[in-house]
Amino acid sequence: MALLRRHLPTPLGEMLAVASGQGLCMLEFDVPQRVARELAQVEAARGGAAQAGRNAVLDQLAAELAEYFAGQRQVFGVPLDLVGTPFQVGAWQALLQIPYGRTRSYAEQARAIGRPTATRAVAAANGQNKVSIVVPCHRLVGSDGSLTGFGGGLPRKRALLTLEGGAA
């Protein structure tokens, strides 16, 4: 099944979603250089250009994202089709274990995946996460609790954590 893409409005700006028949491959705020790079990676990995359109995955995502921003959803159910190396995918799957409204340091995340000395590798993998919000990379913070790196920008990271009632 072909890759489909759809632009979704959110209170924090427009996002581009890309899905295969298996699940969501990409959800990013419209930051041009980042979106172009990640879209190219997804298209290369899934063997074709994403066409504008809709499918069940994108429709489910749109509904769940609206519920999330309305404060009515804490866990996403949309299926995922993550595009990355095995280490990256493992790091991203561990992000899914961070509860809504909570944060974890990069060092804590490295320990959580059984790689306590891999803090920088975990941070690098987090920076390559292509599925913002649903795979909650915004929940990772510096060891001192400071907000660090977020592809959509630190103001959006702060807003997401505030929405979730976490330390922002």
N, C-alpha and C. Protein backbone atom coordinates (compact mmCIF):
# COMPACT_ATOMS: atom_id res chain seq x y z
N MET A 1 0.84 -1.19 0.00
CA MET A 1 0.00 0.00 0.00
C MET A 1 0.88 1.25 0.00
N ALA A 2 0.47 2.23 -0.70
CA ALA A 2 1.24 3.46 -0.86
C ALA A 2 1.29 4.27 0.43
N LEU A 3 2.31 5.09 0.52
CA LEU A 3 2.40 6.06 1.62
C LEU A 3 1.43 7.20 1.33
N LEU A 4 0.73 7.62 2.36
CA LEU A 4 -0.17 8.76 2.22
C LEU A 4 0.25 9.83 3.22
N ARG A 5 0.06 11.08 2.83
CA ARG A 5 0.40 12.20 3.71
C ARG A 5 -0.81 13.10 3.86
N ARG A 6 -0.85 13.76 5.02
CA ARG A 6 -1.97 14.66 5.31
C ARG A 6 -1.48 15.74 6.26
N HIS A 7 -1.85 16.96 6.01
CA HIS A 7 -1.54 18.06 6.91
C HIS A 7 -2.64 18.16 7.95
N LEU A 8 -2.24 18.30 9.20
CA LEU A 8 -3.20 18.36 10.30
C LEU A 8 -2.97 19.64 11.09
N PRO A 9 -4.02 20.42 11.29
CA PRO A 9 -3.88 21.62 12.12
C PRO A 9 -3.87 21.24 13.59
N THR A 10 -3.04 21.94 14.38
CA THR A 10 -3.05 21.75 15.84
C THR A 10 -2.95 23.14 16.47
N PRO A 11 -3.23 23.25 17.75
CA PRO A 11 -3.07 24.55 18.43
C PRO A 11 -1.63 25.06 18.42
N LEU A 12 -0.67 24.18 18.16
CA LEU A 12 0.74 24.58 18.15
C LEU A 12 1.31 24.72 16.75
N GLY A 13 0.45 24.65 15.75
CA GLY A 13 0.89 24.79 14.36
C GLY A 13 0.57 23.55 13.55
N GLU A 14 0.67 23.71 12.25
CA GLU A 14 0.36 22.60 11.35
C GLU A 14 1.40 21.51 11.46
N MET A 15 0.93 20.26 11.33
CA MET A 15 1.81 19.10 11.35
C MET A 15 1.60 18.30 10.07
N LEU A 16 2.66 17.63 9.64
CA LEU A 16 2.58 16.72 8.51
C LEU A 16 2.60 15.29 9.05
N ALA A 17 1.58 14.53 8.66
CA ALA A 17 1.49 13.12 9.04
C ALA A 17 1.68 12.27 7.79
N VAL A 18 2.42 11.18 7.93
CA VAL A 18 2.62 10.23 6.83
C VAL A 18 2.37 8.84 7.38
N ALA A 19 1.58 8.06 6.64
CA ALA A 19 1.25 6.71 7.09
C ALA A 19 1.37 5.71 5.95
N SER A 20 1.78 4.52 6.31
CA SER A 20 1.75 3.39 5.40
C SER A 20 0.47 2.61 5.72
N GLY A 21 0.27 1.51 5.07
CA GLY A 21 -0.87 0.66 5.40
C GLY A 21 -0.74 0.03 6.78
N GLN A 22 0.51 -0.05 7.30
CA GLN A 22 0.76 -0.67 8.60
C GLN A 22 0.60 0.31 9.77
N GLY A 23 0.86 1.59 9.52
CA GLY A 23 0.75 2.53 10.62
C GLY A 23 1.39 3.87 10.33
N LEU A 24 1.43 4.68 11.36
CA LEU A 24 1.97 6.03 11.28
C LEU A 24 3.49 5.98 11.21
N CYS A 25 4.05 6.61 10.18
CA CYS A 25 5.50 6.65 9.97
C CYS A 25 6.10 7.98 10.40
N MET A 26 5.31 9.05 10.35
CA MET A 26 5.85 10.38 10.60
C MET A 26 4.74 11.31 11.06
N LEU A 27 5.07 12.13 12.03
CA LEU A 27 4.20 13.22 12.47
C LEU A 27 5.12 14.31 12.97
N GLU A 28 5.23 15.37 12.23
CA GLU A 28 6.17 16.44 12.56
C GLU A 28 5.53 17.80 12.38
N PHE A 29 5.92 18.73 13.26
CA PHE A 29 5.55 20.12 13.06
C PHE A 29 6.20 20.60 11.78
N ASP A 30 5.55 21.52 11.11
CA ASP A 30 6.03 21.99 9.81
C ASP A 30 7.25 22.91 9.98
N VAL A 31 8.39 22.27 10.27
CA VAL A 31 9.69 22.94 10.30
C VAL A 31 10.38 22.48 9.02
N PRO A 32 10.42 23.33 7.98
CA PRO A 32 10.75 22.88 6.62
C PRO A 32 11.96 21.96 6.47
N GLN A 33 13.12 22.31 6.98
CA GLN A 33 14.29 21.45 6.77
C GLN A 33 14.11 20.09 7.42
N ARG A 34 13.58 20.07 8.63
CA ARG A 34 13.38 18.81 9.35
C ARG A 34 12.35 17.94 8.63
N VAL A 35 11.25 18.54 8.23
CA VAL A 35 10.20 17.79 7.54
C VAL A 35 10.72 17.20 6.23
N ALA A 36 11.45 17.99 5.46
CA ALA A 36 11.97 17.50 4.18
C ALA A 36 12.91 16.32 4.38
N ARG A 37 13.82 16.43 5.36
CA ARG A 37 14.78 15.35 5.63
C ARG A 37 14.07 14.08 6.08
N GLU A 38 13.14 14.23 7.03
CA GLU A 38 12.45 13.05 7.55
C GLU A 38 11.53 12.42 6.52
N LEU A 39 10.86 13.24 5.74
CA LEU A 39 9.99 12.71 4.69
C LEU A 39 10.81 11.90 3.69
N ALA A 40 11.97 12.40 3.32
CA ALA A 40 12.85 11.68 2.38
C ALA A 40 13.28 10.34 2.98
N GLN A 41 13.58 10.31 4.27
CA GLN A 41 13.98 9.05 4.93
C GLN A 41 12.83 8.04 4.93
N VAL A 42 11.63 8.51 5.24
CA VAL A 42 10.47 7.62 5.27
C VAL A 42 10.17 7.10 3.87
N GLU A 43 10.19 7.98 2.89
CA GLU A 43 9.90 7.56 1.51
C GLU A 43 10.94 6.55 1.02
N ALA A 44 12.20 6.76 1.34
CA ALA A 44 13.25 5.82 0.93
C ALA A 44 13.07 4.46 1.62
N ALA A 45 12.74 4.49 2.89
CA ALA A 45 12.58 3.25 3.65
C ALA A 45 11.33 2.47 3.24
N ARG A 46 10.30 3.17 2.82
CA ARG A 46 9.04 2.51 2.48
C ARG A 46 8.81 2.40 0.97
N GLY A 47 9.80 2.82 0.19
CA GLY A 47 9.81 2.54 -1.24
C GLY A 47 8.90 3.38 -2.12
N GLY A 48 8.69 4.62 -1.79
CA GLY A 48 7.91 5.46 -2.69
C GLY A 48 7.55 6.79 -2.09
N ALA A 49 7.12 7.67 -2.98
CA ALA A 49 6.74 9.01 -2.56
C ALA A 49 5.38 8.98 -1.86
N ALA A 50 5.25 9.79 -0.81
CA ALA A 50 3.97 9.91 -0.11
C ALA A 50 3.04 10.80 -0.92
N GLN A 51 1.86 10.30 -1.15
CA GLN A 51 0.85 11.04 -1.90
C GLN A 51 -0.17 11.65 -0.93
N ALA A 52 -0.69 12.79 -1.29
CA ALA A 52 -1.73 13.40 -0.46
C ALA A 52 -2.94 12.48 -0.44
N GLY A 53 -3.52 12.29 0.72
CA GLY A 53 -4.69 11.44 0.81
C GLY A 53 -5.04 11.10 2.24
N ARG A 54 -5.95 10.17 2.38
CA ARG A 54 -6.43 9.73 3.69
C ARG A 54 -6.50 8.22 3.70
N ASN A 55 -6.30 7.69 4.88
CA ASN A 55 -6.56 6.27 5.12
C ASN A 55 -7.01 6.14 6.57
N ALA A 56 -7.30 4.92 7.01
CA ALA A 56 -7.81 4.72 8.36
C ALA A 56 -6.82 5.18 9.42
N VAL A 57 -5.51 4.99 9.17
CA VAL A 57 -4.49 5.40 10.13
C VAL A 57 -4.49 6.92 10.29
N LEU A 58 -4.52 7.64 9.18
CA LEU A 58 -4.50 9.11 9.25
C LEU A 58 -5.79 9.66 9.85
N ASP A 59 -6.92 9.03 9.55
CA ASP A 59 -8.19 9.47 10.14
C ASP A 59 -8.18 9.24 11.66
N GLN A 60 -7.67 8.07 12.09
CA GLN A 60 -7.58 7.79 13.52
C GLN A 60 -6.64 8.78 14.20
N LEU A 61 -5.51 9.05 13.57
CA LEU A 61 -4.56 10.01 14.13
C LEU A 61 -5.21 11.38 14.30
N ALA A 62 -5.91 11.86 13.28
CA ALA A 62 -6.53 13.18 13.35
C ALA A 62 -7.49 13.26 14.53
N ALA A 63 -8.29 12.22 14.73
CA ALA A 63 -9.24 12.20 15.84
C ALA A 63 -8.51 12.15 17.18
N GLU A 64 -7.50 11.30 17.29
CA GLU A 64 -6.77 11.16 18.56
C GLU A 64 -5.97 12.42 18.89
N LEU A 65 -5.40 13.05 17.89
CA LEU A 65 -4.64 14.28 18.12
C LEU A 65 -5.57 15.39 18.62
N ALA A 66 -6.75 15.49 18.03
CA ALA A 66 -7.73 16.48 18.49
C ALA A 66 -8.12 16.22 19.94
N GLU A 67 -8.32 14.96 20.29
CA GLU A 67 -8.66 14.60 21.67
C GLU A 67 -7.50 14.94 22.62
N TYR A 68 -6.28 14.66 22.19
CA TYR A 68 -5.10 14.97 23.00
C TYR A 68 -5.03 16.46 23.31
N PHE A 69 -5.16 17.29 22.29
CA PHE A 69 -5.07 18.73 22.50
C PHE A 69 -6.26 19.28 23.28
N ALA A 70 -7.38 18.55 23.29
CA ALA A 70 -8.54 18.95 24.08
C ALA A 70 -8.46 18.44 25.52
N GLY A 71 -7.36 17.75 25.85
CA GLY A 71 -7.18 17.21 27.19
C GLY A 71 -8.00 15.97 27.46
N GLN A 72 -8.46 15.30 26.40
CA GLN A 72 -9.33 14.13 26.54
C GLN A 72 -8.62 12.81 26.23
N ARG A 73 -7.33 12.85 25.88
CA ARG A 73 -6.60 11.62 25.54
C ARG A 73 -5.21 11.70 26.14
N GLN A 74 -4.81 10.61 26.83
CA GLN A 74 -3.48 10.53 27.40
C GLN A 74 -2.61 9.49 26.72
N VAL A 75 -3.23 8.51 26.08
CA VAL A 75 -2.51 7.44 25.39
C VAL A 75 -3.06 7.33 23.97
N PHE A 76 -2.16 7.25 23.01
CA PHE A 76 -2.56 7.11 21.61
C PHE A 76 -2.71 5.64 21.26
N GLY A 77 -3.69 5.34 20.42
CA GLY A 77 -3.93 3.97 19.98
C GLY A 77 -3.60 3.76 18.51
N VAL A 78 -3.24 4.82 17.80
CA VAL A 78 -2.95 4.71 16.38
C VAL A 78 -1.77 3.75 16.19
N PRO A 79 -1.87 2.82 15.22
CA PRO A 79 -0.75 1.91 14.99
C PRO A 79 0.47 2.66 14.43
N LEU A 80 1.65 2.16 14.78
CA LEU A 80 2.89 2.81 14.36
C LEU A 80 3.65 1.93 13.37
N ASP A 81 4.33 2.58 12.45
CA ASP A 81 5.24 1.93 11.49
C ASP A 81 6.52 2.76 11.53
N LEU A 82 7.31 2.57 12.60
CA LEU A 82 8.47 3.42 12.85
C LEU A 82 9.60 3.14 11.87
N VAL A 83 10.23 4.21 11.39
CA VAL A 83 11.31 4.12 10.42
C VAL A 83 12.60 4.58 11.11
N GLY A 84 13.51 3.64 11.35
CA GLY A 84 14.78 3.95 11.98
C GLY A 84 15.60 2.69 12.15
N THR A 85 16.78 2.85 12.75
CA THR A 85 17.64 1.70 13.03
C THR A 85 17.03 0.91 14.18
N PRO A 86 17.47 -0.33 14.37
CA PRO A 86 16.95 -1.10 15.52
C PRO A 86 17.17 -0.38 16.86
N PHE A 87 18.33 0.25 17.05
CA PHE A 87 18.58 0.98 18.29
C PHE A 87 17.60 2.14 18.42
N GLN A 88 17.41 2.91 17.35
CA GLN A 88 16.49 4.03 17.40
C GLN A 88 15.07 3.57 17.73
N VAL A 89 14.62 2.54 17.04
CA VAL A 89 13.26 2.04 17.28
C VAL A 89 13.10 1.58 18.72
N GLY A 90 14.12 0.92 19.27
CA GLY A 90 14.07 0.51 20.67
C GLY A 90 13.99 1.70 21.61
N ALA A 91 14.77 2.73 21.31
CA ALA A 91 14.74 3.95 22.14
C ALA A 91 13.37 4.62 22.04
N TRP A 92 12.80 4.64 20.83
CA TRP A 92 11.48 5.26 20.66
C TRP A 92 10.39 4.46 21.35
N GLN A 93 10.49 3.13 21.30
CA GLN A 93 9.49 2.30 21.98
C GLN A 93 9.55 2.54 23.49
N ALA A 94 10.75 2.79 24.01
CA ALA A 94 10.88 3.10 25.44
C ALA A 94 10.22 4.43 25.78
N LEU A 95 10.22 5.37 24.84
CA LEU A 95 9.53 6.65 25.07
C LEU A 95 8.05 6.43 25.33
N LEU A 96 7.48 5.42 24.69
CA LEU A 96 6.06 5.13 24.85
C LEU A 96 5.72 4.69 26.28
N GLN A 97 6.74 4.32 27.06
CA GLN A 97 6.53 3.88 28.44
C GLN A 97 6.54 5.03 29.45
N ILE A 98 6.90 6.24 29.00
CA ILE A 98 6.90 7.39 29.90
C ILE A 98 5.46 7.86 30.04
N PRO A 99 4.92 7.83 31.26
CA PRO A 99 3.51 8.19 31.43
C PRO A 99 3.22 9.65 31.08
N TYR A 100 2.01 9.87 30.64
CA TYR A 100 1.48 11.20 30.37
C TYR A 100 1.70 12.07 31.61
N GLY A 101 2.17 13.29 31.39
CA GLY A 101 2.36 14.22 32.48
C GLY A 101 3.65 14.03 33.27
N ARG A 102 4.47 13.07 32.84
CA ARG A 102 5.73 12.80 33.54
C ARG A 102 6.89 13.08 32.59
N THR A 103 8.04 13.33 33.16
CA THR A 103 9.25 13.49 32.35
C THR A 103 10.30 12.51 32.85
N ARG A 104 11.30 12.30 32.02
CA ARG A 104 12.41 11.41 32.34
C ARG A 104 13.66 12.05 31.75
N SER A 105 14.78 11.92 32.45
CA SER A 105 16.03 12.45 31.90
C SER A 105 16.57 11.48 30.84
N TYR A 106 17.47 11.99 30.01
CA TYR A 106 18.10 11.15 29.01
C TYR A 106 18.86 10.01 29.68
N ALA A 107 19.52 10.29 30.81
CA ALA A 107 20.25 9.25 31.54
C ALA A 107 19.29 8.18 32.07
N GLU A 108 18.15 8.61 32.60
CA GLU A 108 17.14 7.65 33.07
C GLU A 108 16.63 6.81 31.91
N GLN A 109 16.48 7.43 30.76
CA GLN A 109 16.00 6.71 29.58
C GLN A 109 17.04 5.68 29.14
N ALA A 110 18.32 6.04 29.19
CA ALA A 110 19.38 5.10 28.83
C ALA A 110 19.34 3.89 29.77
N ARG A 111 19.15 4.13 31.05
CA ARG A 111 19.05 3.02 32.00
C ARG A 111 17.80 2.18 31.72
N ALA A 112 16.71 2.84 31.35
CA ALA A 112 15.45 2.12 31.09
C ALA A 112 15.57 1.15 29.92
N ILE A 113 16.43 1.45 28.96
CA ILE A 113 16.59 0.53 27.82
C ILE A 113 17.77 -0.43 28.03
N GLY A 114 18.33 -0.42 29.25
CA GLY A 114 19.42 -1.34 29.56
C GLY A 114 20.77 -0.92 29.02
N ARG A 115 20.92 0.35 28.69
CA ARG A 115 22.19 0.87 28.15
C ARG A 115 22.61 2.09 28.98
N PRO A 116 22.96 1.90 30.26
CA PRO A 116 23.20 3.03 31.16
C PRO A 116 24.32 3.98 30.73
N THR A 117 25.23 3.52 29.89
CA THR A 117 26.32 4.41 29.44
C THR A 117 26.02 5.05 28.09
N ALA A 118 24.82 4.84 27.59
CA ALA A 118 24.47 5.31 26.24
C ALA A 118 23.61 6.56 26.25
N THR A 119 23.83 7.45 27.21
CA THR A 119 23.00 8.65 27.31
C THR A 119 23.04 9.47 26.02
N ARG A 120 24.23 9.68 25.47
CA ARG A 120 24.33 10.47 24.23
C ARG A 120 23.67 9.77 23.05
N ALA A 121 23.81 8.46 22.98
CA ALA A 121 23.17 7.70 21.88
C ALA A 121 21.65 7.78 22.01
N VAL A 122 21.15 7.72 23.24
CA VAL A 122 19.71 7.84 23.46
C VAL A 122 19.24 9.24 23.05
N ALA A 123 20.02 10.25 23.42
CA ALA A 123 19.66 11.63 23.03
C ALA A 123 19.66 11.77 21.51
N ALA A 124 20.66 11.19 20.85
CA ALA A 124 20.72 11.26 19.39
C ALA A 124 19.53 10.52 18.76
N ALA A 125 19.19 9.35 19.28
CA ALA A 125 18.04 8.61 18.76
C ALA A 125 16.76 9.41 18.97
N ASN A 126 16.64 10.01 20.13
CA ASN A 126 15.46 10.83 20.42
C ASN A 126 15.34 11.97 19.41
N GLY A 127 16.48 12.56 19.06
CA GLY A 127 16.48 13.65 18.08
C GLY A 127 16.08 13.21 16.69
N GLN A 128 16.14 11.91 16.43
CA GLN A 128 15.74 11.38 15.11
C GLN A 128 14.32 10.83 15.10
N ASN A 129 13.61 10.94 16.22
CA ASN A 129 12.22 10.47 16.29
C ASN A 129 11.39 11.22 15.24
N LYS A 130 10.71 10.46 14.41
CA LYS A 130 9.91 11.05 13.32
C LYS A 130 8.43 11.16 13.68
N VAL A 131 8.04 10.67 14.85
CA VAL A 131 6.63 10.64 15.22
C VAL A 131 6.43 11.46 16.50
N SER A 132 6.43 12.76 16.33
CA SER A 132 6.29 13.68 17.46
C SER A 132 4.95 13.47 18.16
N ILE A 133 4.90 13.78 19.42
CA ILE A 133 3.73 13.72 20.30
C ILE A 133 3.28 12.29 20.56
N VAL A 134 2.97 11.51 19.53
CA VAL A 134 2.51 10.14 19.71
C VAL A 134 3.62 9.30 20.34
N VAL A 135 4.84 9.44 19.83
CA VAL A 135 6.03 8.87 20.47
C VAL A 135 6.63 10.05 21.23
N PRO A 136 6.36 10.13 22.54
CA PRO A 136 6.51 11.38 23.29
C PRO A 136 7.94 11.79 23.64
N CYS A 137 8.70 12.15 22.63
CA CYS A 137 10.07 12.61 22.87
C CYS A 137 10.09 13.91 23.66
N HIS A 138 8.99 14.63 23.67
CA HIS A 138 8.93 15.88 24.45
C HIS A 138 9.01 15.62 25.94
N ARG A 139 8.85 14.38 26.38
CA ARG A 139 8.89 14.05 27.80
C ARG A 139 10.31 13.81 28.32
N LEU A 140 11.31 13.89 27.45
CA LEU A 140 12.70 13.76 27.90
C LEU A 140 13.26 15.15 28.18
N VAL A 141 13.94 15.27 29.31
CA VAL A 141 14.52 16.54 29.74
C VAL A 141 15.96 16.31 30.20
N GLY A 142 16.67 17.40 30.41
CA GLY A 142 18.03 17.31 30.94
C GLY A 142 18.03 16.75 32.35
N SER A 143 19.19 16.27 32.79
CA SER A 143 19.31 15.69 34.14
C SER A 143 18.91 16.67 35.23
N ASP A 144 19.07 17.97 34.95
CA ASP A 144 18.68 18.99 35.93
C ASP A 144 17.24 19.45 35.75
N GLY A 145 16.50 18.76 34.88
CA GLY A 145 15.10 19.11 34.64
C GLY A 145 14.90 20.17 33.57
N SER A 146 16.00 20.66 33.00
CA SER A 146 15.88 21.71 31.98
C SER A 146 15.34 21.15 30.67
N LEU A 147 14.68 22.03 29.94
CA LEU A 147 14.19 21.64 28.62
C LEU A 147 15.35 21.68 27.64
N THR A 148 15.52 20.57 26.94
CA THR A 148 16.59 20.49 25.96
C THR A 148 15.99 19.93 24.68
N GLY A 149 16.62 20.21 23.57
CA GLY A 149 16.28 19.75 22.24
C GLY A 149 14.88 19.24 21.99
N PHE A 150 14.26 19.78 20.99
CA PHE A 150 12.97 19.30 20.48
C PHE A 150 12.85 19.80 19.06
N GLY A 151 12.62 18.89 18.12
CA GLY A 151 12.59 19.25 16.70
C GLY A 151 11.57 20.33 16.36
N GLY A 152 10.50 20.39 17.11
CA GLY A 152 9.48 21.40 16.87
C GLY A 152 9.75 22.71 17.58
N GLY A 153 10.87 22.77 18.33
CA GLY A 153 11.24 23.98 19.04
C GLY A 153 10.86 23.90 20.52
N LEU A 154 11.69 24.53 21.35
CA LEU A 154 11.46 24.48 22.80
C LEU A 154 10.13 25.11 23.24
N PRO A 155 9.64 26.18 22.60
CA PRO A 155 8.31 26.69 23.01
C PRO A 155 7.21 25.63 22.85
N ARG A 156 7.28 24.83 21.79
CA ARG A 156 6.27 23.78 21.61
C ARG A 156 6.45 22.68 22.66
N LYS A 157 7.71 22.34 22.95
CA LYS A 157 7.97 21.32 23.98
C LYS A 157 7.38 21.78 25.31
N ARG A 158 7.63 23.03 25.66
CA ARG A 158 7.09 23.60 26.91
C ARG A 158 5.56 23.54 26.89
N ALA A 159 4.95 23.89 25.78
CA ALA A 159 3.49 23.88 25.67
C ALA A 159 2.93 22.46 25.81
N LEU A 160 3.60 21.47 25.23
CA LEU A 160 3.14 20.08 25.35
C LEU A 160 3.22 19.61 26.80
N LEU A 161 4.33 19.92 27.46
CA LEU A 161 4.47 19.52 28.86
C LEU A 161 3.46 20.24 29.74
N THR A 162 3.19 21.50 29.45
CA THR A 162 2.19 22.25 30.20
C THR A 162 0.81 21.63 29.98
N LEU A 163 0.49 21.30 28.73
CA LEU A 163 -0.79 20.64 28.42
C LEU A 163 -0.95 19.37 29.24
N GLU A 164 0.13 18.62 29.38
CA GLU A 164 0.08 17.36 30.11
C GLU A 164 0.18 17.54 31.62
N GLY A 165 0.39 18.78 32.06
CA GLY A 165 0.48 19.04 33.48
C GLY A 165 1.82 18.66 34.07
N GLY A 166 2.83 18.46 33.20
CA GLY A 166 4.16 18.10 33.68
C GLY A 166 4.99 19.32 34.00
N ALA A 167 6.16 19.07 34.47
CA ALA A 167 7.09 20.17 34.79
C ALA A 167 7.55 20.82 33.50
N ALA A 168 7.22 22.07 33.33
CA ALA A 168 7.62 22.77 32.11
C ALA A 168 8.27 24.08 32.52
